[in-house]
C-alpha cells in the first residue's frame, strides 16, 4: 500500500521539484530544512526543555531507577536534573579540571545522591589529546578535527592530555551495590567508544535506558546509529523529540536516521514496555 502511494505521488513531486529547484531558492529551502530538522529532534540545544531531555527524564521516572551514569557531565547540569526529576542515585564523570571543580560541588549540595569522578571513560586505557574551548566549555572533546566545526572558536582551543579508562575496568573495581538502570553519554564525539568500553557492564546490569548524542564529530570518526545498533541487539533505538513531543522509534539502517547533526538518541531495552 505504501509503495503504491509513493509510486503515485512521486511523479507529482518530481514536477514540483523541477519547477522550484533553482539556485535562487536554495536559501529558502535551507531555512525550511533547518525548521524540519529541529522539529525531528536535530540541531536543538540551549535548554533541556527544548531538546526534550527534561520531558524524557520525567518519563523514565516512571520506571525504577537505582543508579544513573552521567558520562561527560561537564559542570553537572544534567546530573542535577536527574537528581531532581528521578529517584535515582547518580555517578558523574568529567575529565576537564575546571568543569570538574563545579561538578564536585554537587556532592555537598546533594548528600548521598551523587558521586563524581575526574575520569574520562572510553574503550581502552590510553592517553589522548583533550581539546577544550574556554573555561567549563560544554564543547570539550578528544576529536582532533574539532577545528573544522563552524560553531567552535578556533582561537580559544587549548590542548592538554588526559588519561582514558576502559569503562568495564572502572566498574569492575567500583563494585556497585545496586543496578545501573540509566546511562547518559555526552562526550562530544566519543560516545560510541564509551559504549564499546561498557559492553560487559551493560550485559551485567542490563540498563533500561541508554542515552547518547550524535553530532558533527561522528562525520570524522565514522560512528553512526547503524554501527551502534549492531553492537547492542537487545535494544530498540529512539530519537528524543523537542519539548514534550516524546520519543520516536527509528530504523537504524535508514540514512535519514544517520544524519551528522546534533541529536539525542535513547536505546531502550527490548524487554521494557513503554507507552
C-alpha atoms as a PDB file:
ATOM      1  CA  UNK A   1       0.000   0.000   0.000  1.00  0.00           C
ATOM      2  CA  UNK A   2       2.760   2.407   0.999  1.00  0.00           C
ATOM      3  CA  UNK A   3       4.738   1.661  -2.192  1.00  0.00           C
ATOM      4  CA  UNK A   4       1.639   2.224  -4.331  1.00  0.00           C
ATOM      5  CA  UNK A   5       1.052   5.632  -2.731  1.00  0.00           C
ATOM      6  CA  UNK A   6       4.706   6.585  -3.277  1.00  0.00           C
ATOM      7  CA  UNK A   7       4.515   5.496  -6.930  1.00  0.00           C
ATOM      8  CA  UNK A   8       1.502   7.773  -7.443  1.00  0.00           C
ATOM      9  CA  UNK A   9       2.881  10.786  -5.556  1.00  0.00           C
ATOM     10  CA  UNK A  10       6.492  10.717  -6.787  1.00  0.00           C
ATOM     11  CA  UNK A  11       5.790  11.924 -10.362  1.00  0.00           C
ATOM     12  CA  UNK A  12       3.866  14.908  -8.929  1.00  0.00           C
ATOM     13  CA  UNK A  13       6.699  15.672  -6.525  1.00  0.00           C
ATOM     14  CA  UNK A  14       9.226  15.486  -9.354  1.00  0.00           C
ATOM     15  CA  UNK A  15       7.258  18.065 -11.363  1.00  0.00           C
ATOM     16  CA  UNK A  16       7.197  20.408  -8.354  1.00  0.00           C
ATOM     17  CA  UNK A  17      10.943  19.909  -7.817  1.00  0.00           C
ATOM     18  CA  UNK A  18      11.576  20.703 -11.491  1.00  0.00           C
ATOM     19  CA  UNK A  19       9.636  23.962 -11.176  1.00  0.00           C
ATOM     20  CA  UNK A  20      11.154  25.269  -7.924  1.00  0.00           C
ATOM     21  CA  UNK A  21      14.677  23.807  -7.640  1.00  0.00           C
ATOM     22  CA  UNK A  22      16.648  26.879  -8.701  1.00  0.00           C
ATOM     23  CA  UNK A  23      19.847  28.243  -7.191  1.00  0.00           C
ATOM     24  CA  UNK A  24      17.935  31.354  -6.159  1.00  0.00           C
ATOM     25  CA  UNK A  25      15.545  29.344  -3.961  1.00  0.00           C
ATOM     26  CA  UNK A  26      18.170  27.321  -2.068  1.00  0.00           C
ATOM     27  CA  UNK A  27      18.397  29.753   0.861  1.00  0.00           C
ATOM     28  CA  UNK A  28      14.655  29.431   1.362  1.00  0.00           C
ATOM     29  CA  UNK A  29      14.936  25.638   1.303  1.00  0.00           C
ATOM     30  CA  UNK A  30      17.820  25.801   3.793  1.00  0.00           C
ATOM     31  CA  UNK A  31      15.566  27.779   6.133  1.00  0.00           C
ATOM     32  CA  UNK A  32      12.737  25.256   5.922  1.00  0.00           C
ATOM     33  CA  UNK A  33      15.171  22.350   6.193  1.00  0.00           C
ATOM     34  CA  UNK A  34      16.510  23.886   9.415  1.00  0.00           C
ATOM     35  CA  UNK A  35      12.983  24.051  10.848  1.00  0.00           C
ATOM     36  CA  UNK A  36      12.192  20.489   9.727  1.00  0.00           C
ATOM     37  CA  UNK A  37      15.379  19.093  11.264  1.00  0.00           C
ATOM     38  CA  UNK A  38      14.726  20.869  14.577  1.00  0.00           C
ATOM     39  CA  UNK A  39      11.175  19.532  14.619  1.00  0.00           C
ATOM     40  CA  UNK A  40      12.523  15.991  14.127  1.00  0.00           C
ATOM     41  CA  UNK A  41      14.961  16.285  17.040  1.00  0.00           C
ATOM     42  CA  UNK A  42      18.095  17.600  15.331  1.00  0.00           C
ATOM     43  CA  UNK A  43      20.081  20.812  15.939  1.00  0.00           C
ATOM     44  CA  UNK A  44      18.396  21.597  19.272  1.00  0.00           C
ATOM     45  CA  UNK A  45      20.471  22.918  22.168  1.00  0.00           C
ATOM     46  CA  UNK A  46      20.413  25.575  24.858  1.00  0.00           C
ATOM     47  CA  UNK A  47      17.877  24.129  27.283  1.00  0.00           C
ATOM     48  CA  UNK A  48      16.757  20.693  28.431  1.00  0.00           C
ATOM     49  CA  UNK A  49      13.187  21.721  27.653  1.00  0.00           C
ATOM     50  CA  UNK A  50      13.953  22.489  24.005  1.00  0.00           C
ATOM     51  CA  UNK A  51      15.971  19.299  23.489  1.00  0.00           C
ATOM     52  CA  UNK A  52      13.193  17.208  25.037  1.00  0.00           C
ATOM     53  CA  UNK A  53      15.571  15.784  27.660  1.00  0.00           C
ATOM     54  CA  UNK A  54      13.622  17.227  30.602  1.00  0.00           C
ATOM     55  CA  UNK A  55      10.438  15.533  29.379  1.00  0.00           C
ATOM     56  CA  UNK A  56      12.413  12.329  28.809  1.00  0.00           C
ATOM     57  CA  UNK A  57      13.689  12.309  32.410  1.00  0.00           C
ATOM     58  CA  UNK A  58      10.147  12.773  33.695  1.00  0.00           C
ATOM     59  CA  UNK A  59       9.146   9.816  31.521  1.00  0.00           C
ATOM     60  CA  UNK A  60      11.826   7.414  32.809  1.00  0.00           C
ATOM     61  CA  UNK A  61      10.991   8.385  36.387  1.00  0.00           C
ATOM     62  CA  UNK A  62       8.019   6.076  35.909  1.00  0.00           C
ATOM     63  CA  UNK A  63      10.454   3.157  35.937  1.00  0.00           C
ATOM     64  CA  UNK A  64      12.505   2.019  38.899  1.00  0.00           C
ATOM     65  CA  UNK A  65      15.965   3.522  38.547  1.00  0.00           C
ATOM     66  CA  UNK A  66      18.673   2.529  41.005  1.00  0.00           C
ATOM     67  CA  UNK A  67      21.846   4.130  39.607  1.00  0.00           C
ATOM     68  CA  UNK A  68      22.247   6.560  36.713  1.00  0.00           C
ATOM     69  CA  UNK A  69      25.552   7.354  34.995  1.00  0.00           C
ATOM     70  CA  UNK A  70      26.249  10.824  33.614  1.00  0.00           C
ATOM     71  CA  UNK A  71      29.319  10.355  31.414  1.00  0.00           C
ATOM     72  CA  UNK A  72      30.669  13.665  30.148  1.00  0.00           C
ATOM     73  CA  UNK A  73      28.888  15.567  32.915  1.00  0.00           C
ATOM     74  CA  UNK A  74      30.624  18.929  32.420  1.00  0.00           C
ATOM     75  CA  UNK A  75      29.544  21.132  35.372  1.00  0.00           C
ATOM     76  CA  UNK A  76      26.706  18.793  36.323  1.00  0.00           C
ATOM     77  CA  UNK A  77      23.562  20.454  34.975  1.00  0.00           C
ATOM     78  CA  UNK A  78      22.196  17.177  33.600  1.00  0.00           C
ATOM     79  CA  UNK A  79      23.245  15.282  36.734  1.00  0.00           C
ATOM     80  CA  UNK A  80      21.268  17.779  38.781  1.00  0.00           C
ATOM     81  CA  UNK A  81      18.251  17.288  36.505  1.00  0.00           C
ATOM     82  CA  UNK A  82      18.442  13.522  37.052  1.00  0.00           C
ATOM     83  CA  UNK A  83      18.506  14.062  40.832  1.00  0.00           C
ATOM     84  CA  UNK A  84      15.560  16.480  40.756  1.00  0.00           C
ATOM     85  CA  UNK A  85      13.354  14.585  38.299  1.00  0.00           C
ATOM     86  CA  UNK A  86      14.035  10.959  39.289  1.00  0.00           C
ATOM     87  CA  UNK A  87      14.711   8.965  42.452  1.00  0.00           C
ATOM     88  CA  UNK A  88      17.973   7.624  41.067  1.00  0.00           C
ATOM     89  CA  UNK A  89      21.415   7.940  42.601  1.00  0.00           C
ATOM     90  CA  UNK A  90      23.920   9.464  40.175  1.00  0.00           C
ATOM     91  CA  UNK A  91      27.530   8.692  39.285  1.00  0.00           C
ATOM     92  CA  UNK A  92      29.030  11.529  37.231  1.00  0.00           C
ATOM     93  CA  UNK A  93      32.213  11.533  35.156  1.00  0.00           C
ATOM     94  CA  UNK A  94      34.097  14.590  33.899  1.00  0.00           C
ATOM     95  CA  UNK A  95      37.816  14.802  32.934  1.00  0.00           C
ATOM     96  CA  UNK A  96      38.045  18.600  32.468  1.00  0.00           C
ATOM     97  CA  UNK A  97      39.644  20.246  35.515  1.00  0.00           C
ATOM     98  CA  UNK A  98      37.603  23.482  35.547  1.00  0.00           C
ATOM     99  CA  UNK A  99      34.296  21.729  34.887  1.00  0.00           C
ATOM    100  CA  UNK A 100      35.056  19.074  37.496  1.00  0.00           C
ATOM    101  CA  UNK A 101      35.526  21.731  40.204  1.00  0.00           C
ATOM    102  CA  UNK A 102      31.939  22.874  39.602  1.00  0.00           C
ATOM    103  CA  UNK A 103      30.663  19.299  39.343  1.00  0.00           C
ATOM    104  CA  UNK A 104      32.283  18.415  42.672  1.00  0.00           C
ATOM    105  CA  UNK A 105      30.084  20.985  44.446  1.00  0.00           C
ATOM    106  CA  UNK A 106      27.025  18.806  43.811  1.00  0.00           C
ATOM    107  CA  UNK A 107      28.296  16.187  46.274  1.00  0.00           C
ATOM    108  CA  UNK A 108      27.830  18.690  49.123  1.00  0.00           C
ATOM    109  CA  UNK A 109      24.587  20.054  47.722  1.00  0.00           C
ATOM    110  CA  UNK A 110      23.003  16.604  47.319  1.00  0.00           C
ATOM    111  CA  UNK A 111      24.446  14.428  50.072  1.00  0.00           C
ATOM    112  CA  UNK A 112      24.287  10.684  49.372  1.00  0.00           C
ATOM    113  CA  UNK A 113      22.641  11.317  45.995  1.00  0.00           C
ATOM    114  CA  UNK A 114      25.684  11.805  43.760  1.00  0.00           C
ATOM    115  CA  UNK A 115      29.321  10.741  43.485  1.00  0.00           C
ATOM    116  CA  UNK A 116      31.626  12.420  40.981  1.00  0.00           C
ATOM    117  CA  UNK A 117      34.798  11.141  39.329  1.00  0.00           C
ATOM    118  CA  UNK A 118      37.507  13.045  37.449  1.00  0.00           C
ATOM    119  CA  UNK A 119      37.677  10.297  34.855  1.00  0.00           C
ATOM    120  CA  UNK A 120      37.397  10.013  31.066  1.00  0.00           C
ATOM    121  CA  UNK A 121      35.757   6.730  30.070  1.00  0.00           C
ATOM    122  CA  UNK A 122      36.457   5.135  26.684  1.00  0.00           C
ATOM    123  CA  UNK A 123      37.044   1.757  25.009  1.00  0.00           C
ATOM    124  CA  UNK A 124      40.702   1.437  26.038  1.00  0.00           C
ATOM    125  CA  UNK A 125      43.145   2.545  28.707  1.00  0.00           C
ATOM    126  CA  UNK A 126      45.144   5.205  26.870  1.00  0.00           C
ATOM    127  CA  UNK A 127      46.407   8.786  26.919  1.00  0.00           C
ATOM    128  CA  UNK A 128      44.740  11.166  24.454  1.00  0.00           C
ATOM    129  CA  UNK A 129      44.781  14.821  23.488  1.00  0.00           C
ATOM    130  CA  UNK A 130      41.948  16.824  25.052  1.00  0.00           C
ATOM    131  CA  UNK A 131      40.681  19.922  23.236  1.00  0.00           C
ATOM    132  CA  UNK A 132      38.900  22.481  25.426  1.00  0.00           C
ATOM    133  CA  UNK A 133      37.277  25.731  24.329  1.00  0.00           C
ATOM    134  CA  UNK A 134      37.271  28.156  27.240  1.00  0.00           C
ATOM    135  CA  UNK A 135      36.530  27.556  30.917  1.00  0.00           C
ATOM    136  CA  UNK A 136      33.779  24.992  31.653  1.00  0.00           C
ATOM    137  CA  UNK A 137      33.095  24.590  27.945  1.00  0.00           C
ATOM    138  CA  UNK A 138      30.476  22.001  27.003  1.00  0.00           C
ATOM    139  CA  UNK A 139      32.300  21.563  23.681  1.00  0.00           C
ATOM    140  CA  UNK A 140      35.484  19.995  25.111  1.00  0.00           C
ATOM    141  CA  UNK A 141      36.370  16.912  23.072  1.00  0.00           C
ATOM    142  CA  UNK A 142      39.088  14.437  22.107  1.00  0.00           C
ATOM    143  CA  UNK A 143      38.099  14.786  18.425  1.00  0.00           C
ATOM    144  CA  UNK A 144      41.195  16.004  16.564  1.00  0.00           C
ATOM    145  CA  UNK A 145      39.100  17.576  13.771  1.00  0.00           C
ATOM    146  CA  UNK A 146      37.406  19.979  16.171  1.00  0.00           C
ATOM    147  CA  UNK A 147      38.770  22.971  14.218  1.00  0.00           C
ATOM    148  CA  UNK A 148      36.512  22.023  11.310  1.00  0.00           C
ATOM    149  CA  UNK A 149      33.309  22.707  13.300  1.00  0.00           C
ATOM    150  CA  UNK A 150      31.723  26.031  12.409  1.00  0.00           C
ATOM    151  CA  UNK A 151      30.413  26.575  15.949  1.00  0.00           C
ATOM    152  CA  UNK A 152      33.875  26.341  17.550  1.00  0.00           C
ATOM    153  CA  UNK A 153      36.028  29.433  18.047  1.00  0.00           C
ATOM    154  CA  UNK A 154      39.393  28.199  16.783  1.00  0.00           C
ATOM    155  CA  UNK A 155      41.434  30.772  18.695  1.00  0.00           C
ATOM    156  CA  UNK A 156      40.071  29.535  22.043  1.00  0.00           C
ATOM    157  CA  UNK A 157      41.052  25.890  21.595  1.00  0.00           C
ATOM    158  CA  UNK A 158      43.536  24.672  24.215  1.00  0.00           C
ATOM    159  CA  UNK A 159      45.196  21.267  24.038  1.00  0.00           C
ATOM    160  CA  UNK A 160      46.112  19.120  27.022  1.00  0.00           C
ATOM    161  CA  UNK A 161      46.495  15.409  27.699  1.00  0.00           C
ATOM    162  CA  UNK A 162      44.140  13.188  29.679  1.00  0.00           C
ATOM    163  CA  UNK A 163      44.074   9.502  30.537  1.00  0.00           C
ATOM    164  CA  UNK A 164      41.115   7.442  29.314  1.00  0.00           C
ATOM    165  CA  UNK A 165      39.987   4.369  31.246  1.00  0.00           C
ATOM    166  CA  UNK A 166      38.001   1.497  29.783  1.00  0.00           C
ATOM    167  CA  UNK A 167      34.563   1.672  31.381  1.00  0.00           C
ATOM    168  CA  UNK A 168      34.345  -2.052  32.155  1.00  0.00           C
ATOM    169  CA  UNK A 169      37.649  -1.897  34.045  1.00  0.00           C
ATOM    170  CA  UNK A 170      36.440   1.056  36.104  1.00  0.00           C
ATOM    171  CA  UNK A 171      33.163  -0.565  37.157  1.00  0.00           C
ATOM    172  CA  UNK A 172      34.787  -3.900  37.873  1.00  0.00           C
ATOM    173  CA  UNK A 173      36.849  -2.148  40.548  1.00  0.00           C
ATOM    174  CA  UNK A 174      33.993   0.056  41.786  1.00  0.00           C
ATOM    175  CA  UNK A 175      31.717  -2.893  42.687  1.00  0.00           C
ATOM    176  CA  UNK A 176      28.389  -1.115  42.974  1.00  0.00           C
ATOM    177  CA  UNK A 177      25.760  -2.307  45.433  1.00  0.00           C
ATOM    178  CA  UNK A 178      22.869  -1.893  43.043  1.00  0.00           C
ATOM    179  CA  UNK A 179      21.993  -1.876  39.356  1.00  0.00           C
ATOM    180  CA  UNK A 180      22.826   0.667  36.694  1.00  0.00           C
ATOM    181  CA  UNK A 181      19.437   1.397  35.123  1.00  0.00           C
ATOM    182  CA  UNK A 182      20.156   4.560  33.110  1.00  0.00           C
ATOM    183  CA  UNK A 183      23.289   5.635  31.250  1.00  0.00           C
ATOM    184  CA  UNK A 184      23.617   9.085  29.714  1.00  0.00           C
ATOM    185  CA  UNK A 185      26.657   9.757  27.482  1.00  0.00           C
ATOM    186  CA  UNK A 186      27.602  13.168  26.103  1.00  0.00           C
ATOM    187  CA  UNK A 187      31.302  13.128  25.287  1.00  0.00           C
ATOM    188  CA  UNK A 188      31.347  15.286  22.144  1.00  0.00           C
ATOM    189  CA  UNK A 189      32.087  12.530  19.644  1.00  0.00           C
ATOM    190  CA  UNK A 190      33.480   9.768  21.862  1.00  0.00           C
ATOM    191  CA  UNK A 191      30.076   8.259  22.741  1.00  0.00           C
ATOM    192  CA  UNK A 192      30.481   5.147  20.573  1.00  0.00           C
ATOM    193  CA  UNK A 193      33.845   4.267  22.140  1.00  0.00           C
ATOM    194  CA  UNK A 194      32.393   4.841  25.607  1.00  0.00           C
ATOM    195  CA  UNK A 195      29.610   2.384  24.758  1.00  0.00           C
ATOM    196  CA  UNK A 196      32.101  -0.200  23.481  1.00  0.00           C
ATOM    197  CA  UNK A 197      34.103   0.158  26.679  1.00  0.00           C
ATOM    198  CA  UNK A 198      30.964  -0.543  28.737  1.00  0.00           C
ATOM    199  CA  UNK A 199      29.753  -3.673  26.902  1.00  0.00           C
ATOM    200  CA  UNK A 200      30.418  -6.099  29.777  1.00  0.00           C
ATOM    201  CA  UNK A 201      28.903  -3.653  32.267  1.00  0.00           C
ATOM    202  CA  UNK A 202      25.808  -3.303  30.078  1.00  0.00           C
ATOM    203  CA  UNK A 203      25.466  -7.088  29.773  1.00  0.00           C
ATOM    204  CA  UNK A 204      25.767  -7.436  33.569  1.00  0.00           C
ATOM    205  CA  UNK A 205      23.436  -4.622  34.655  1.00  0.00           C
ATOM    206  CA  UNK A 206      21.015  -4.647  31.706  1.00  0.00           C
ATOM    207  CA  UNK A 207      20.267  -0.903  31.930  1.00  0.00           C
ATOM    208  CA  UNK A 208      16.748   0.034  30.902  1.00  0.00           C
ATOM    209  CA  UNK A 209      17.734   3.241  29.103  1.00  0.00           C
ATOM    210  CA  UNK A 210      20.975   4.369  27.422  1.00  0.00           C
ATOM    211  CA  UNK A 211      21.060   7.932  26.105  1.00  0.00           C
ATOM    212  CA  UNK A 212      23.788   9.110  23.747  1.00  0.00           C
ATOM    213  CA  UNK A 213      24.453  12.010  21.389  1.00  0.00           C
ATOM    214  CA  UNK A 214      25.205  12.175  17.686  1.00  0.00           C
ATOM    215  CA  UNK A 215      26.847  15.225  16.174  1.00  0.00           C
ATOM    216  CA  UNK A 216      29.316  16.588  13.642  1.00  0.00           C
ATOM    217  CA  UNK A 217      32.198  14.707  15.296  1.00  0.00           C
ATOM    218  CA  UNK A 218      30.862  11.408  14.019  1.00  0.00           C
ATOM    219  CA  UNK A 219      31.294  12.541  10.417  1.00  0.00           C
ATOM    220  CA  UNK A 220      35.040  12.301  11.037  1.00  0.00           C
ATOM    221  CA  UNK A 221      35.293   9.328  13.389  1.00  0.00           C
ATOM    222  CA  UNK A 222      32.919   7.082  11.426  1.00  0.00           C
ATOM    223  CA  UNK A 223      30.395   6.302  14.183  1.00  0.00           C
ATOM    224  CA  UNK A 224      26.696   6.217  13.281  1.00  0.00           C
ATOM    225  CA  UNK A 225      23.368   4.872  14.519  1.00  0.00           C
ATOM    226  CA  UNK A 226      23.652   1.735  12.388  1.00  0.00           C
ATOM    227  CA  UNK A 227      27.046   0.897  13.911  1.00  0.00           C
ATOM    228  CA  UNK A 228      25.811   1.440  17.452  1.00  0.00           C
ATOM    229  CA  UNK A 229      22.656  -0.603  16.908  1.00  0.00           C
ATOM    230  CA  UNK A 230      24.650  -3.537  15.512  1.00  0.00           C
ATOM    231  CA  UNK A 231      26.606  -3.724  18.795  1.00  0.00           C
ATOM    232  CA  UNK A 232      23.544  -3.690  21.065  1.00  0.00           C
ATOM    233  CA  UNK A 233      20.999  -6.149  19.711  1.00  0.00           C
ATOM    234  CA  UNK A 234      18.906  -6.203  22.901  1.00  0.00           C
ATOM    235  CA  UNK A 235      17.838  -2.578  22.429  1.00  0.00           C
ATOM    236  CA  UNK A 236      15.495  -0.566  20.208  1.00  0.00           C
ATOM    237  CA  UNK A 237      16.639   2.942  19.273  1.00  0.00           C
ATOM    238  CA  UNK A 238      14.536   6.086  19.698  1.00  0.00           C
ATOM    239  CA  UNK A 239      15.263   9.745  18.974  1.00  0.00           C
ATOM    240  CA  UNK A 240      14.282  12.362  21.558  1.00  0.00           C
ATOM    241  CA  UNK A 241      11.938  14.929  20.006  1.00  0.00           C
ATOM    242  CA  UNK A 242      11.859  18.586  21.151  1.00  0.00           C
ATOM    243  CA  UNK A 243       9.885  19.938  24.090  1.00  0.00           C
ATOM    244  CA  UNK A 244       7.166  17.494  25.212  1.00  0.00           C
ATOM    245  CA  UNK A 245       6.891  15.551  21.953  1.00  0.00           C
ATOM    246  CA  UNK A 246       8.435  12.418  23.486  1.00  0.00           C
ATOM    247  CA  UNK A 247      10.347   9.634  21.740  1.00  0.00           C
ATOM    248  CA  UNK A 248      10.106   8.299  18.203  1.00  0.00           C
ATOM    249  CA  UNK A 249      11.318   4.811  17.336  1.00  0.00           C
ATOM    250  CA  UNK A 250      13.714   4.863  14.394  1.00  0.00           C
ATOM    251  CA  UNK A 251      15.132   2.404  11.891  1.00  0.00           C
ATOM    252  CA  UNK A 252      18.934   2.453  12.441  1.00  0.00           C
ATOM    253  CA  UNK A 253      19.510   1.117   8.902  1.00  0.00           C
ATOM    254  CA  UNK A 254      17.923   4.130   7.181  1.00  0.00           C
ATOM    255  CA  UNK A 255      20.114   7.060   6.034  1.00  0.00           C
ATOM    256  CA  UNK A 256      17.549   9.612   7.282  1.00  0.00           C
ATOM    257  CA  UNK A 257      18.365   8.442  10.805  1.00  0.00           C
ATOM    258  CA  UNK A 258      22.133   8.649  10.365  1.00  0.00           C
ATOM    259  CA  UNK A 259      22.498  12.408   9.976  1.00  0.00           C
ATOM    260  CA  UNK A 260      25.527  14.156  11.459  1.00  0.00           C
ATOM    261  CA  UNK A 261      23.573  16.890  13.187  1.00  0.00           C
ATOM    262  CA  UNK A 262      23.249  17.368  16.936  1.00  0.00           C
ATOM    263  CA  UNK A 263      20.636  14.888  18.152  1.00  0.00           C
ATOM    264  CA  UNK A 264      19.910  12.801  21.240  1.00  0.00           C
ATOM    265  CA  UNK A 265      19.076   9.117  20.970  1.00  0.00           C
ATOM    266  CA  UNK A 266      17.944   6.574  23.533  1.00  0.00           C
ATOM    267  CA  UNK A 267      18.442   2.841  23.427  1.00  0.00           C
ATOM    268  CA  UNK A 268      15.598   1.149  25.300  1.00  0.00           C
ATOM    269  CA  UNK A 269      15.947  -2.480  26.306  1.00  0.00           C
ATOM    270  CA  UNK A 270      13.527  -4.573  24.228  1.00  0.00           C
ATOM    271  CA  UNK A 271      12.114  -6.203  27.373  1.00  0.00           C
ATOM    272  CA  UNK A 272      10.937  -2.795  28.655  1.00  0.00           C
ATOM    273  CA  UNK A 273       7.348  -1.945  27.802  1.00  0.00           C
ATOM    274  CA  UNK A 274       6.831   1.748  27.046  1.00  0.00           C
ATOM    275  CA  UNK A 275       3.710   3.710  26.243  1.00  0.00           C
END
